[in-house]
């Protein structure tokens, strides 16, 4: 990939009924964003204009057609929000803060369009605002979320979600802290069936790779246990002995600096204090709760294993607070800046 001086990032609008449009507009006025990236919103220009009006900004939303975007002829600065229209006008009828299939369809179309821009090399990476999984399903797109949708669009099988907290956000490691997840959007009951050694090894490899791209020469990884007290030598479960420890051995034999499994309650304290650069968690909430407690508004969602760069905010649509002008844009800022680092690292 040839990346321009400033990486070109396609920013999806997310669910129009949620806080995605607000956080995009709020982040857009930050001068550090335009010093680092050339952003383009993939969504509906009128939805963005509503968000501009809501927030009382003096930004102008300028629509660029597909031909102009394919030639790289879009302009963006703190007062110019560049937008590629990627969904139809039915989304304009969606009430704020509601689950609506029209918003789900629009969000789906935006993700597909942004992914194509990167695959066709008209953009260098994508940053996604949150979508509603319920609205996505209502529109008959049966994906658990962005991660699985993007994996399908990119035709990859080995992938993972990582929550990443950049440096200076309650963690002492010089490169921040990443938490990758072996299982993701599924019931707790199903985790015990789906957890396996091979999947853990894959996630260790992916976590090691992305931390290297984020500037760590030799990442130090820790693998979380599944059971309390790491199973207490089999008293509370044997998954650590039968599944997780063998995966650590395989990953270590492959040259990855990884250790564990460790009880998660103490592991996350050690990781926060800089002992590890990344943690491999066994399931969604095991990693999400700890990292979001450390930095909810600064955390970034990175999809590992894709042939394209994708980051996102770590929060959801927040329907209960949407279109009230109070959404925090720090996560969108962090997602944009992290995407810039990742695109430049693979240039």
C-alpha atoms as a PDB file:
ATOM      1  CA  UNK A   1       0.000   0.000   0.000  1.00  0.00           C
ATOM      2  CA  UNK A   2       1.219   3.473  -0.830  1.00  0.00           C
ATOM      3  CA  UNK A   3       0.107   5.858   1.893  1.00  0.00           C
ATOM      4  CA  UNK A   4       0.094   9.591   1.263  1.00  0.00           C
ATOM      5  CA  UNK A   5       1.745  12.027   3.676  1.00  0.00           C
ATOM      6  CA  UNK A   6      -1.491  11.947   5.627  1.00  0.00           C
ATOM      7  CA  UNK A   7      -3.367   8.634   5.621  1.00  0.00           C
ATOM      8  CA  UNK A   8      -6.754   8.742   3.897  1.00  0.00           C
ATOM      9  CA  UNK A   9      -9.346   7.370   6.287  1.00  0.00           C
ATOM     10  CA  UNK A  10     -12.919   6.417   5.433  1.00  0.00           C
ATOM     11  CA  UNK A  11     -15.070   7.113   8.500  1.00  0.00           C
ATOM     12  CA  UNK A  12     -18.396   5.281   8.571  1.00  0.00           C
ATOM     13  CA  UNK A  13     -21.391   7.129   9.981  1.00  0.00           C
ATOM     14  CA  UNK A  14     -22.604   4.230  12.116  1.00  0.00           C
ATOM     15  CA  UNK A  15     -26.250   3.995  13.148  1.00  0.00           C
ATOM     16  CA  UNK A  16     -27.940   7.288  12.295  1.00  0.00           C
ATOM     17  CA  UNK A  17     -30.152   7.046  15.388  1.00  0.00           C
ATOM     18  CA  UNK A  18     -27.152   6.781  17.709  1.00  0.00           C
ATOM     19  CA  UNK A  19     -24.274   9.042  18.728  1.00  0.00           C
ATOM     20  CA  UNK A  20     -22.046   8.199  15.751  1.00  0.00           C
ATOM     21  CA  UNK A  21     -22.797  11.348  13.723  1.00  0.00           C
ATOM     22  CA  UNK A  22     -22.303  13.514  16.815  1.00  0.00           C
ATOM     23  CA  UNK A  23     -18.903  12.111  17.731  1.00  0.00           C
ATOM     24  CA  UNK A  24     -17.718  12.397  14.123  1.00  0.00           C
ATOM     25  CA  UNK A  25     -18.683  16.067  13.928  1.00  0.00           C
ATOM     26  CA  UNK A  26     -17.275  16.802  17.383  1.00  0.00           C
ATOM     27  CA  UNK A  27     -13.964  15.113  16.566  1.00  0.00           C
ATOM     28  CA  UNK A  28     -13.745  16.824  13.176  1.00  0.00           C
ATOM     29  CA  UNK A  29     -12.925  20.226  14.653  1.00  0.00           C
ATOM     30  CA  UNK A  30      -9.856  18.925  16.475  1.00  0.00           C
ATOM     31  CA  UNK A  31      -6.736  20.345  14.779  1.00  0.00           C
ATOM     32  CA  UNK A  32      -4.634  17.282  15.687  1.00  0.00           C
ATOM     33  CA  UNK A  33      -6.935  15.150  13.534  1.00  0.00           C
ATOM     34  CA  UNK A  34      -6.333  17.133  10.359  1.00  0.00           C
ATOM     35  CA  UNK A  35      -2.607  17.321  11.047  1.00  0.00           C
ATOM     36  CA  UNK A  36      -2.535  13.520  11.044  1.00  0.00           C
ATOM     37  CA  UNK A  37      -5.153  12.275   8.556  1.00  0.00           C
ATOM     38  CA  UNK A  38      -7.285  13.136   5.539  1.00  0.00           C
ATOM     39  CA  UNK A  39     -10.756  11.914   6.601  1.00  0.00           C
ATOM     40  CA  UNK A  40     -13.846  11.204   4.532  1.00  0.00           C
ATOM     41  CA  UNK A  41     -17.209  10.350   6.075  1.00  0.00           C
ATOM     42  CA  UNK A  42     -19.031   7.481   4.396  1.00  0.00           C
ATOM     43  CA  UNK A  43     -22.665   8.035   5.232  1.00  0.00           C
ATOM     44  CA  UNK A  44     -25.443  10.518   4.488  1.00  0.00           C
ATOM     45  CA  UNK A  45     -24.571  14.223   4.233  1.00  0.00           C
ATOM     46  CA  UNK A  46     -27.926  15.387   5.610  1.00  0.00           C
ATOM     47  CA  UNK A  47     -27.492  13.338   8.789  1.00  0.00           C
ATOM     48  CA  UNK A  48     -24.126  15.035   9.287  1.00  0.00           C
ATOM     49  CA  UNK A  49     -25.671  18.460   8.697  1.00  0.00           C
ATOM     50  CA  UNK A  50     -28.186  17.718  11.437  1.00  0.00           C
ATOM     51  CA  UNK A  51     -25.323  16.823  13.783  1.00  0.00           C
ATOM     52  CA  UNK A  52     -23.480  20.033  12.861  1.00  0.00           C
ATOM     53  CA  UNK A  53     -26.581  22.047  13.689  1.00  0.00           C
ATOM     54  CA  UNK A  54     -27.160  20.133  16.928  1.00  0.00           C
ATOM     55  CA  UNK A  55     -23.619  20.862  18.134  1.00  0.00           C
ATOM     56  CA  UNK A  56     -23.662  24.462  16.949  1.00  0.00           C
ATOM     57  CA  UNK A  57     -20.555  24.062  14.795  1.00  0.00           C
ATOM     58  CA  UNK A  58     -19.744  26.197  11.778  1.00  0.00           C
ATOM     59  CA  UNK A  59     -18.548  23.249   9.711  1.00  0.00           C
ATOM     60  CA  UNK A  60     -19.810  22.773   6.161  1.00  0.00           C
ATOM     61  CA  UNK A  61     -20.700  19.284   4.967  1.00  0.00           C
ATOM     62  CA  UNK A  62     -19.521  18.904   1.362  1.00  0.00           C
ATOM     63  CA  UNK A  63     -20.658  15.904  -0.646  1.00  0.00           C
ATOM     64  CA  UNK A  64     -18.121  14.309  -2.987  1.00  0.00           C
ATOM     65  CA  UNK A  65     -19.189  11.760  -5.555  1.00  0.00           C
ATOM     66  CA  UNK A  66     -17.581   8.376  -6.106  1.00  0.00           C
ATOM     67  CA  UNK A  67     -15.606   9.616  -9.110  1.00  0.00           C
ATOM     68  CA  UNK A  68     -13.997  12.414  -7.123  1.00  0.00           C
ATOM     69  CA  UNK A  69     -13.201  10.064  -4.259  1.00  0.00           C
ATOM     70  CA  UNK A  70     -11.643   7.507  -6.604  1.00  0.00           C
ATOM     71  CA  UNK A  71      -9.339  10.244  -7.898  1.00  0.00           C
ATOM     72  CA  UNK A  72      -8.449  11.315  -4.384  1.00  0.00           C
ATOM     73  CA  UNK A  73     -10.050  14.677  -5.026  1.00  0.00           C
ATOM     74  CA  UNK A  74     -11.737  15.346  -1.728  1.00  0.00           C
ATOM     75  CA  UNK A  75     -10.825  18.085   0.695  1.00  0.00           C
ATOM     76  CA  UNK A  76     -11.261  18.153   4.452  1.00  0.00           C
ATOM     77  CA  UNK A  77     -10.264  20.466   7.257  1.00  0.00           C
ATOM     78  CA  UNK A  78     -11.669  21.583  10.587  1.00  0.00           C
ATOM     79  CA  UNK A  79     -14.480  23.460   8.816  1.00  0.00           C
ATOM     80  CA  UNK A  80     -15.037  21.161   5.824  1.00  0.00           C
ATOM     81  CA  UNK A  81     -16.587  17.746   6.441  1.00  0.00           C
ATOM     82  CA  UNK A  82     -16.104  15.644   3.325  1.00  0.00           C
ATOM     83  CA  UNK A  83     -18.846  13.069   2.773  1.00  0.00           C
ATOM     84  CA  UNK A  84     -19.469  10.247   0.318  1.00  0.00           C
ATOM     85  CA  UNK A  85     -23.169   9.393   0.259  1.00  0.00           C
ATOM     86  CA  UNK A  86     -23.410   5.637   0.712  1.00  0.00           C
ATOM     87  CA  UNK A  87     -27.034   5.051   1.726  1.00  0.00           C
ATOM     88  CA  UNK A  88     -30.481   6.102   0.542  1.00  0.00           C
ATOM     89  CA  UNK A  89     -32.737   8.827   1.904  1.00  0.00           C
ATOM     90  CA  UNK A  90     -34.965   6.499   3.928  1.00  0.00           C
ATOM     91  CA  UNK A  91     -32.485   6.820   6.793  1.00  0.00           C
ATOM     92  CA  UNK A  92     -33.541  10.452   7.177  1.00  0.00           C
ATOM     93  CA  UNK A  93     -36.898   9.271   8.544  1.00  0.00           C
ATOM     94  CA  UNK A  94     -35.392   7.262  11.421  1.00  0.00           C
ATOM     95  CA  UNK A  95     -36.270   8.723  14.847  1.00  0.00           C
ATOM     96  CA  UNK A  96     -33.315   9.370  17.176  1.00  0.00           C
ATOM     97  CA  UNK A  97     -32.553   6.739  19.791  1.00  0.00           C
ATOM     98  CA  UNK A  98     -34.529   3.914  18.194  1.00  0.00           C
ATOM     99  CA  UNK A  99     -33.763   0.531  16.692  1.00  0.00           C
ATOM    100  CA  UNK A 100     -34.812   0.796  13.055  1.00  0.00           C
ATOM    101  CA  UNK A 101     -34.098  -1.496  10.115  1.00  0.00           C
ATOM    102  CA  UNK A 102     -33.562   1.529   7.856  1.00  0.00           C
ATOM    103  CA  UNK A 103     -30.707   2.695  10.062  1.00  0.00           C
ATOM    104  CA  UNK A 104     -29.350  -0.850  10.181  1.00  0.00           C
ATOM    105  CA  UNK A 105     -29.386  -1.074   6.393  1.00  0.00           C
ATOM    106  CA  UNK A 106     -27.699   2.320   6.056  1.00  0.00           C
ATOM    107  CA  UNK A 107     -24.986   1.360   8.545  1.00  0.00           C
ATOM    108  CA  UNK A 108     -24.384  -1.888   6.648  1.00  0.00           C
ATOM    109  CA  UNK A 109     -24.111  -0.086   3.309  1.00  0.00           C
ATOM    110  CA  UNK A 110     -21.647   2.401   4.776  1.00  0.00           C
ATOM    111  CA  UNK A 111     -19.361  -0.334   6.107  1.00  0.00           C
ATOM    112  CA  UNK A 112     -19.435  -2.132   2.758  1.00  0.00           C
ATOM    113  CA  UNK A 113     -18.689   1.073   0.845  1.00  0.00           C
ATOM    114  CA  UNK A 114     -15.837   2.069   3.151  1.00  0.00           C
ATOM    115  CA  UNK A 115     -14.306  -1.406   2.918  1.00  0.00           C
ATOM    116  CA  UNK A 116     -14.414  -1.244  -0.880  1.00  0.00           C
ATOM    117  CA  UNK A 117     -12.630   2.115  -0.821  1.00  0.00           C
ATOM    118  CA  UNK A 118      -9.699   0.546   1.010  1.00  0.00           C
ATOM    119  CA  UNK A 119      -9.725  -2.652  -1.030  1.00  0.00           C
ATOM    120  CA  UNK A 120      -9.600  -0.556  -4.206  1.00  0.00           C
ATOM    121  CA  UNK A 121      -6.871   1.646  -2.669  1.00  0.00           C
ATOM    122  CA  UNK A 122      -8.867   4.849  -2.693  1.00  0.00           C
ATOM    123  CA  UNK A 123      -8.439   5.014   1.093  1.00  0.00           C
ATOM    124  CA  UNK A 124      -5.820   3.644   3.463  1.00  0.00           C
ATOM    125  CA  UNK A 125      -8.004   2.519   6.373  1.00  0.00           C
ATOM    126  CA  UNK A 126     -11.451   2.713   7.878  1.00  0.00           C
ATOM    127  CA  UNK A 127     -12.700   4.061  11.198  1.00  0.00           C
ATOM    128  CA  UNK A 128     -16.196   3.047  12.219  1.00  0.00           C
ATOM    129  CA  UNK A 129     -18.762   4.823  14.346  1.00  0.00           C
ATOM    130  CA  UNK A 130     -20.977   2.429  16.336  1.00  0.00           C
ATOM    131  CA  UNK A 131     -23.804   0.509  14.735  1.00  0.00           C
ATOM    132  CA  UNK A 132     -26.731  -1.220  16.407  1.00  0.00           C
ATOM    133  CA  UNK A 133     -26.544  -4.993  16.212  1.00  0.00           C
ATOM    134  CA  UNK A 134     -30.315  -5.177  16.678  1.00  0.00           C
ATOM    135  CA  UNK A 135     -30.894  -2.764  13.776  1.00  0.00           C
ATOM    136  CA  UNK A 136     -28.397  -4.680  11.654  1.00  0.00           C
ATOM    137  CA  UNK A 137     -30.361  -7.882  12.280  1.00  0.00           C
ATOM    138  CA  UNK A 138     -33.658  -6.089  11.637  1.00  0.00           C
ATOM    139  CA  UNK A 139     -32.255  -5.256   8.187  1.00  0.00           C
ATOM    140  CA  UNK A 140     -31.576  -8.997   7.638  1.00  0.00           C
ATOM    141  CA  UNK A 141     -27.792  -8.738   7.986  1.00  0.00           C
ATOM    142  CA  UNK A 142     -27.148 -11.408  10.570  1.00  0.00           C
ATOM    143  CA  UNK A 143     -23.711 -10.507  11.876  1.00  0.00           C
ATOM    144  CA  UNK A 144     -22.889 -10.236  15.586  1.00  0.00           C
ATOM    145  CA  UNK A 145     -21.147  -6.935  14.907  1.00  0.00           C
ATOM    146  CA  UNK A 146     -18.572  -5.013  12.896  1.00  0.00           C
ATOM    147  CA  UNK A 147     -15.776  -7.520  13.519  1.00  0.00           C
ATOM    148  CA  UNK A 148     -17.510 -10.479  11.945  1.00  0.00           C
ATOM    149  CA  UNK A 149     -18.965  -8.387   9.107  1.00  0.00           C
ATOM    150  CA  UNK A 150     -15.546  -7.040   8.186  1.00  0.00           C
ATOM    151  CA  UNK A 151     -13.989 -10.498   8.359  1.00  0.00           C
ATOM    152  CA  UNK A 152     -16.630 -11.700   5.904  1.00  0.00           C
ATOM    153  CA  UNK A 153     -16.125  -8.742   3.562  1.00  0.00           C
ATOM    154  CA  UNK A 154     -12.367  -9.362   3.608  1.00  0.00           C
ATOM    155  CA  UNK A 155     -12.726 -13.162   3.361  1.00  0.00           C
ATOM    156  CA  UNK A 156     -10.552 -13.956   6.373  1.00  0.00           C
ATOM    157  CA  UNK A 157     -10.957 -16.681   8.982  1.00  0.00           C
ATOM    158  CA  UNK A 158      -8.270 -15.822  11.542  1.00  0.00           C
ATOM    159  CA  UNK A 159      -9.295 -12.551  13.134  1.00  0.00           C
ATOM    160  CA  UNK A 160      -9.835 -11.003  16.533  1.00  0.00           C
ATOM    161  CA  UNK A 161     -11.093  -7.917  18.299  1.00  0.00           C
ATOM    162  CA  UNK A 162      -8.573  -5.971  20.338  1.00  0.00           C
ATOM    163  CA  UNK A 163      -9.409  -3.138  22.667  1.00  0.00           C
ATOM    164  CA  UNK A 164      -6.420  -0.833  22.813  1.00  0.00           C
ATOM    165  CA  UNK A 165      -5.676   1.954  25.261  1.00  0.00           C
ATOM    166  CA  UNK A 166      -3.077   4.352  23.836  1.00  0.00           C
ATOM    167  CA  UNK A 167      -0.158   5.546  26.005  1.00  0.00           C
ATOM    168  CA  UNK A 168      -0.894   8.024  28.751  1.00  0.00           C
ATOM    169  CA  UNK A 169      -4.363   6.714  29.572  1.00  0.00           C
ATOM    170  CA  UNK A 170      -4.061   5.134  33.028  1.00  0.00           C
ATOM    171  CA  UNK A 171      -1.563   2.529  31.808  1.00  0.00           C
ATOM    172  CA  UNK A 172       2.167   2.682  32.408  1.00  0.00           C
ATOM    173  CA  UNK A 173       3.395   0.805  29.363  1.00  0.00           C
ATOM    174  CA  UNK A 174       5.155   3.050  26.833  1.00  0.00           C
ATOM    175  CA  UNK A 175       3.042   1.710  23.953  1.00  0.00           C
ATOM    176  CA  UNK A 176      -0.258   1.532  25.822  1.00  0.00           C
ATOM    177  CA  UNK A 177      -2.114  -1.707  26.460  1.00  0.00           C
ATOM    178  CA  UNK A 178      -4.015  -4.045  24.141  1.00  0.00           C
ATOM    179  CA  UNK A 179      -6.505  -6.766  25.054  1.00  0.00           C
ATOM    180  CA  UNK A 180      -7.339  -9.318  22.350  1.00  0.00           C
ATOM    181  CA  UNK A 181     -10.268 -11.723  22.706  1.00  0.00           C
ATOM    182  CA  UNK A 182     -10.330 -15.407  21.830  1.00  0.00           C
ATOM    183  CA  UNK A 183     -14.131 -15.668  21.793  1.00  0.00           C
ATOM    184  CA  UNK A 184     -16.295 -12.638  21.215  1.00  0.00           C
ATOM    185  CA  UNK A 185     -20.003 -12.058  20.589  1.00  0.00           C
ATOM    186  CA  UNK A 186     -21.529 -15.220  21.993  1.00  0.00           C
ATOM    187  CA  UNK A 187     -23.176 -16.539  25.122  1.00  0.00           C
ATOM    188  CA  UNK A 188     -21.090 -17.443  28.137  1.00  0.00           C
ATOM    189  CA  UNK A 189     -22.490 -20.978  27.984  1.00  0.00           C
ATOM    190  CA  UNK A 190     -21.103 -21.492  24.473  1.00  0.00           C
ATOM    191  CA  UNK A 191     -17.574 -20.353  25.356  1.00  0.00           C
ATOM    192  CA  UNK A 192     -16.727 -23.643  27.054  1.00  0.00           C
ATOM    193  CA  UNK A 193     -17.607 -25.498  23.859  1.00  0.00           C
ATOM    194  CA  UNK A 194     -15.806 -23.167  21.470  1.00  0.00           C
ATOM    195  CA  UNK A 195     -12.589 -22.439  23.367  1.00  0.00           C
ATOM    196  CA  UNK A 196      -9.660 -24.380  21.938  1.00  0.00           C
ATOM    197  CA  UNK A 197      -5.888 -24.337  21.878  1.00  0.00           C
ATOM    198  CA  UNK A 198      -5.541 -23.433  18.194  1.00  0.00           C
ATOM    199  CA  UNK A 199      -7.755 -20.345  18.562  1.00  0.00           C
ATOM    200  CA  UNK A 200      -5.710 -19.087  21.496  1.00  0.00           C
ATOM    201  CA  UNK A 201      -2.480 -19.501  19.535  1.00  0.00           C
ATOM    202  CA  UNK A 202      -3.945 -17.518  16.620  1.00  0.00           C
ATOM    203  CA  UNK A 203      -4.956 -14.673  18.923  1.00  0.00           C
ATOM    204  CA  UNK A 204      -1.480 -14.609  20.483  1.00  0.00           C
ATOM    205  CA  UNK A 205       0.049 -14.293  17.030  1.00  0.00           C
ATOM    206  CA  UNK A 206      -2.342 -11.527  15.998  1.00  0.00           C
ATOM    207  CA  UNK A 207      -1.818  -9.590  19.232  1.00  0.00           C
ATOM    208  CA  UNK A 208       1.959  -9.857  18.892  1.00  0.00           C
ATOM    209  CA  UNK A 209       1.777  -8.579  15.316  1.00  0.00           C
ATOM    210  CA  UNK A 210      -0.349  -5.514  15.999  1.00  0.00           C
ATOM    211  CA  UNK A 211       1.687  -4.453  19.032  1.00  0.00           C
ATOM    212  CA  UNK A 212       4.792  -4.569  16.850  1.00  0.00           C
ATOM    213  CA  UNK A 213       3.048  -2.251  14.388  1.00  0.00           C
ATOM    214  CA  UNK A 214       2.234   0.040  17.289  1.00  0.00           C
ATOM    215  CA  UNK A 215       5.911   0.388  18.082  1.00  0.00           C
ATOM    216  CA  UNK A 216       6.814  -2.443  20.475  1.00  0.00           C
ATOM    217  CA  UNK A 217       9.934  -4.241  19.229  1.00  0.00           C
ATOM    218  CA  UNK A 218       9.255  -7.408  21.228  1.00  0.00           C
ATOM    219  CA  UNK A 219       5.794  -7.367  22.787  1.00  0.00           C
ATOM    220  CA  UNK A 220       5.266  -9.013  26.168  1.00  0.00           C
ATOM    221  CA  UNK A 221       1.995 -10.949  26.119  1.00  0.00           C
ATOM    222  CA  UNK A 222       0.031 -12.500  28.956  1.00  0.00           C
ATOM    223  CA  UNK A 223      -2.775 -15.023  28.547  1.00  0.00           C
ATOM    224  CA  UNK A 224      -5.740 -14.850  30.895  1.00  0.00           C
ATOM    225  CA  UNK A 225      -7.156 -17.864  32.678  1.00  0.00           C
ATOM    226  CA  UNK A 226     -10.774 -18.833  32.192  1.00  0.00           C
ATOM    227  CA  UNK A 227     -11.650 -19.976  35.702  1.00  0.00           C
ATOM    228  CA  UNK A 228     -11.191 -18.278  39.099  1.00  0.00           C
ATOM    229  CA  UNK A 229      -7.648 -18.597  40.433  1.00  0.00           C
ATOM    230  CA  UNK A 230      -6.627 -20.080  37.070  1.00  0.00           C
ATOM    231  CA  UNK A 231      -8.530 -23.224  37.989  1.00  0.00           C
ATOM    232  CA  UNK A 232      -6.617 -23.777  41.258  1.00  0.00           C
ATOM    233  CA  UNK A 233      -4.810 -26.837  39.864  1.00  0.00           C
ATOM    234  CA  UNK A 234      -8.014 -28.313  38.527  1.00  0.00           C
ATOM    235  CA  UNK A 235     -10.221 -27.710  41.547  1.00  0.00           C
ATOM    236  CA  UNK A 236     -12.279 -25.051  39.742  1.00  0.00           C
ATOM    237  CA  UNK A 237     -11.966 -26.362  36.190  1.00  0.00           C
ATOM    238  CA  UNK A 238      -9.354 -27.967  33.976  1.00  0.00           C
ATOM    239  CA  UNK A 239      -9.460 -25.618  30.946  1.00  0.00           C
ATOM    240  CA  UNK A 240      -6.219 -23.982  32.051  1.00  0.00           C
ATOM    241  CA  UNK A 241      -4.371 -27.299  32.129  1.00  0.00           C
ATOM    242  CA  UNK A 242      -6.010 -28.914  29.108  1.00  0.00           C
ATOM    243  CA  UNK A 243      -6.499 -26.002  26.682  1.00  0.00           C
ATOM    244  CA  UNK A 244      -4.867 -22.711  27.673  1.00  0.00           C
ATOM    245  CA  UNK A 245      -1.438 -23.719  28.991  1.00  0.00           C
ATOM    246  CA  UNK A 246      -0.734 -25.880  25.902  1.00  0.00           C
ATOM    247  CA  UNK A 247      -1.568 -22.870  23.715  1.00  0.00           C
ATOM    248  CA  UNK A 248       0.913 -20.729  25.631  1.00  0.00           C
ATOM    249  CA  UNK A 249       3.574 -23.386  25.067  1.00  0.00           C
ATOM    250  CA  UNK A 250       2.884 -23.499  21.315  1.00  0.00           C
ATOM    251  CA  UNK A 251       2.943 -19.722  20.982  1.00  0.00           C
ATOM    252  CA  UNK A 252       6.154 -19.457  22.981  1.00  0.00           C
ATOM    253  CA  UNK A 253       7.766 -22.128  20.793  1.00  0.00           C
ATOM    254  CA  UNK A 254       6.852 -19.979  17.780  1.00  0.00           C
ATOM    255  CA  UNK A 255       8.934 -17.123  19.165  1.00  0.00           C
ATOM    256  CA  UNK A 256       6.239 -15.075  20.904  1.00  0.00           C
ATOM    257  CA  UNK A 257       7.098 -13.680  24.340  1.00  0.00           C
ATOM    258  CA  UNK A 258       3.987 -14.952  26.098  1.00  0.00           C
ATOM    259  CA  UNK A 259       3.230 -16.313  29.543  1.00  0.00           C
ATOM    260  CA  UNK A 260       0.257 -17.534  31.540  1.00  0.00           C
ATOM    261  CA  UNK A 261      -2.463 -18.489  32.082  1.00  0.00           C
ATOM    262  CA  UNK A 262      -2.855 -15.984  34.909  1.00  0.00           C
ATOM    263  CA  UNK A 263      -5.877 -15.243  37.099  1.00  0.00           C
ATOM    264  CA  UNK A 264      -7.523 -12.259  35.445  1.00  0.00           C
ATOM    265  CA  UNK A 265      -8.218 -10.225  38.578  1.00  0.00           C
ATOM    266  CA  UNK A 266      -4.500  -9.774  39.278  1.00  0.00           C
ATOM    267  CA  UNK A 267      -3.344 -10.005  35.652  1.00  0.00           C
ATOM    268  CA  UNK A 268      -5.070  -6.794  34.599  1.00  0.00           C
ATOM    269  CA  UNK A 269      -3.446  -4.903  37.461  1.00  0.00           C
ATOM    270  CA  UNK A 270      -0.036  -6.161  36.340  1.00  0.00           C
ATOM    271  CA  UNK A 271      -0.789  -5.201  32.741  1.00  0.00           C
ATOM    272  CA  UNK A 272      -1.969  -1.728  33.772  1.00  0.00           C
ATOM    273  CA  UNK A 273       1.291  -1.236  35.642  1.00  0.00           C
ATOM    274  CA  UNK A 274       3.360  -1.963  32.538  1.00  0.00           C
ATOM    275  CA  UNK A 275       4.437  -5.578  33.058  1.00  0.00           C
ATOM    276  CA  UNK A 276       2.733  -6.647  29.798  1.00  0.00           C
ATOM    277  CA  UNK A 277       2.020  -4.912  26.498  1.00  0.00           C
ATOM    278  CA  UNK A 278      -1.004  -7.023  25.605  1.00  0.00           C
ATOM    279  CA  UNK A 279      -3.352  -9.518  27.209  1.00  0.00           C
ATOM    280  CA  UNK A 280      -5.191 -12.349  25.474  1.00  0.00           C
ATOM    281  CA  UNK A 281      -8.604 -12.672  27.137  1.00  0.00           C
ATOM    282  CA  UNK A 282     -10.780 -15.749  26.817  1.00  0.00           C
ATOM    283  CA  UNK A 283     -14.118 -13.970  26.334  1.00  0.00           C
ATOM    284  CA  UNK A 284     -15.713 -10.588  25.663  1.00  0.00           C
ATOM    285  CA  UNK A 285     -16.441  -9.162  29.103  1.00  0.00           C
ATOM    286  CA  UNK A 286     -13.237 -10.531  30.623  1.00  0.00           C
ATOM    287  CA  UNK A 287     -11.274  -8.076  28.509  1.00  0.00           C
ATOM    288  CA  UNK A 288     -13.810  -5.320  27.930  1.00  0.00           C
ATOM    289  CA  UNK A 289     -14.730  -4.558  31.526  1.00  0.00           C
ATOM    290  CA  UNK A 290     -11.162  -4.171  32.717  1.00  0.00           C
ATOM    291  CA  UNK A 291      -9.978  -2.009  29.834  1.00  0.00           C
ATOM    292  CA  UNK A 292     -13.054   0.205  29.821  1.00  0.00           C
ATOM    293  CA  UNK A 293     -12.653   0.827  33.535  1.00  0.00           C
ATOM    294  CA  UNK A 294      -9.134   2.032  32.774  1.00  0.00           C
ATOM    295  CA  UNK A 295     -10.190   4.343  29.941  1.00  0.00           C
ATOM    296  CA  UNK A 296     -13.707   4.087  28.564  1.00  0.00           C
ATOM    297  CA  UNK A 297     -13.575   7.232  26.445  1.00  0.00           C
ATOM    298  CA  UNK A 298     -10.005   6.734  25.231  1.00  0.00           C
ATOM    299  CA  UNK A 299     -10.146   3.047  24.254  1.00  0.00           C
ATOM    300  CA  UNK A 300      -9.944   2.006  20.607  1.00  0.00           C
ATOM    301  CA  UNK A 301     -11.355  -1.112  18.970  1.00  0.00           C
ATOM    302  CA  UNK A 302      -8.887  -2.636  16.471  1.00  0.00           C
ATOM    303  CA  UNK A 303      -9.809  -5.566  14.239  1.00  0.00           C
ATOM    304  CA  UNK A 304      -6.843  -7.915  13.974  1.00  0.00           C
ATOM    305  CA  UNK A 305      -6.178 -10.221  11.047  1.00  0.00           C
ATOM    306  CA  UNK A 306      -7.746  -8.122   8.294  1.00  0.00           C
ATOM    307  CA  UNK A 307      -5.816  -7.154   5.163  1.00  0.00           C
ATOM    308  CA  UNK A 308      -7.028  -3.605   5.805  1.00  0.00           C
ATOM    309  CA  UNK A 309      -6.729  -1.244   8.763  1.00  0.00           C
ATOM    310  CA  UNK A 310      -9.891  -0.856  10.818  1.00  0.00           C
ATOM    311  CA  UNK A 311     -10.322   0.927  14.112  1.00  0.00           C
ATOM    312  CA  UNK A 312     -13.409   2.078  15.951  1.00  0.00           C
ATOM    313  CA  UNK A 313     -14.641   3.735  19.075  1.00  0.00           C
ATOM    314  CA  UNK A 314     -14.998   1.293  21.954  1.00  0.00           C
ATOM    315  CA  UNK A 315     -18.490   2.436  22.918  1.00  0.00           C
ATOM    316  CA  UNK A 316     -21.886   1.674  21.451  1.00  0.00           C
ATOM    317  CA  UNK A 317     -24.706   3.681  19.923  1.00  0.00           C
ATOM    318  CA  UNK A 318     -25.863   5.069  23.301  1.00  0.00           C
ATOM    319  CA  UNK A 319     -29.451   5.423  22.142  1.00  0.00           C
ATOM    320  CA  UNK A 320     -30.408   6.765  25.575  1.00  0.00           C
ATOM    321  CA  UNK A 321     -28.140   9.793  25.070  1.00  0.00           C
ATOM    322  CA  UNK A 322     -28.215  10.127  21.295  1.00  0.00           C
ATOM    323  CA  UNK A 323     -28.953  13.434  19.583  1.00  0.00           C
ATOM    324  CA  UNK A 324     -28.740  15.415  22.804  1.00  0.00           C
ATOM    325  CA  UNK A 325     -25.428  17.065  21.953  1.00  0.00           C
ATOM    326  CA  UNK A 326     -23.591  15.573  24.927  1.00  0.00           C
ATOM    327  CA  UNK A 327     -21.646  12.667  23.375  1.00  0.00           C
ATOM    328  CA  UNK A 328     -17.934  12.417  24.208  1.00  0.00           C
ATOM    329  CA  UNK A 329     -15.759  12.399  21.068  1.00  0.00           C
ATOM    330  CA  UNK A 330     -12.454  11.359  22.692  1.00  0.00           C
ATOM    331  CA  UNK A 331     -12.873   7.771  21.517  1.00  0.00           C
ATOM    332  CA  UNK A 332     -13.355   8.845  17.913  1.00  0.00           C
ATOM    333  CA  UNK A 333     -10.256  11.032  18.118  1.00  0.00           C
ATOM    334  CA  UNK A 334      -8.245   8.120  19.516  1.00  0.00           C
ATOM    335  CA  UNK A 335      -9.598   5.766  16.828  1.00  0.00           C
ATOM    336  CA  UNK A 336      -8.597   8.153  14.039  1.00  0.00           C
ATOM    337  CA  UNK A 337      -5.093   8.710  15.398  1.00  0.00           C
ATOM    338  CA  UNK A 338      -4.553   4.987  16.027  1.00  0.00           C
ATOM    339  CA  UNK A 339      -5.686   4.161  12.485  1.00  0.00           C
ATOM    340  CA  UNK A 340      -3.153   6.681  11.209  1.00  0.00           C
ATOM    341  CA  UNK A 341      -0.359   4.941  13.143  1.00  0.00           C
ATOM    342  CA  UNK A 342      -1.372   1.540  11.801  1.00  0.00           C
ATOM    343  CA  UNK A 343      -1.608   2.657   8.178  1.00  0.00           C
ATOM    344  CA  UNK A 344       1.800   4.313   8.320  1.00  0.00           C
ATOM    345  CA  UNK A 345       3.333   1.208   9.919  1.00  0.00           C
ATOM    346  CA  UNK A 346       2.374  -0.937   6.914  1.00  0.00           C
ATOM    347  CA  UNK A 347       3.274   1.611   4.235  1.00  0.00           C
END
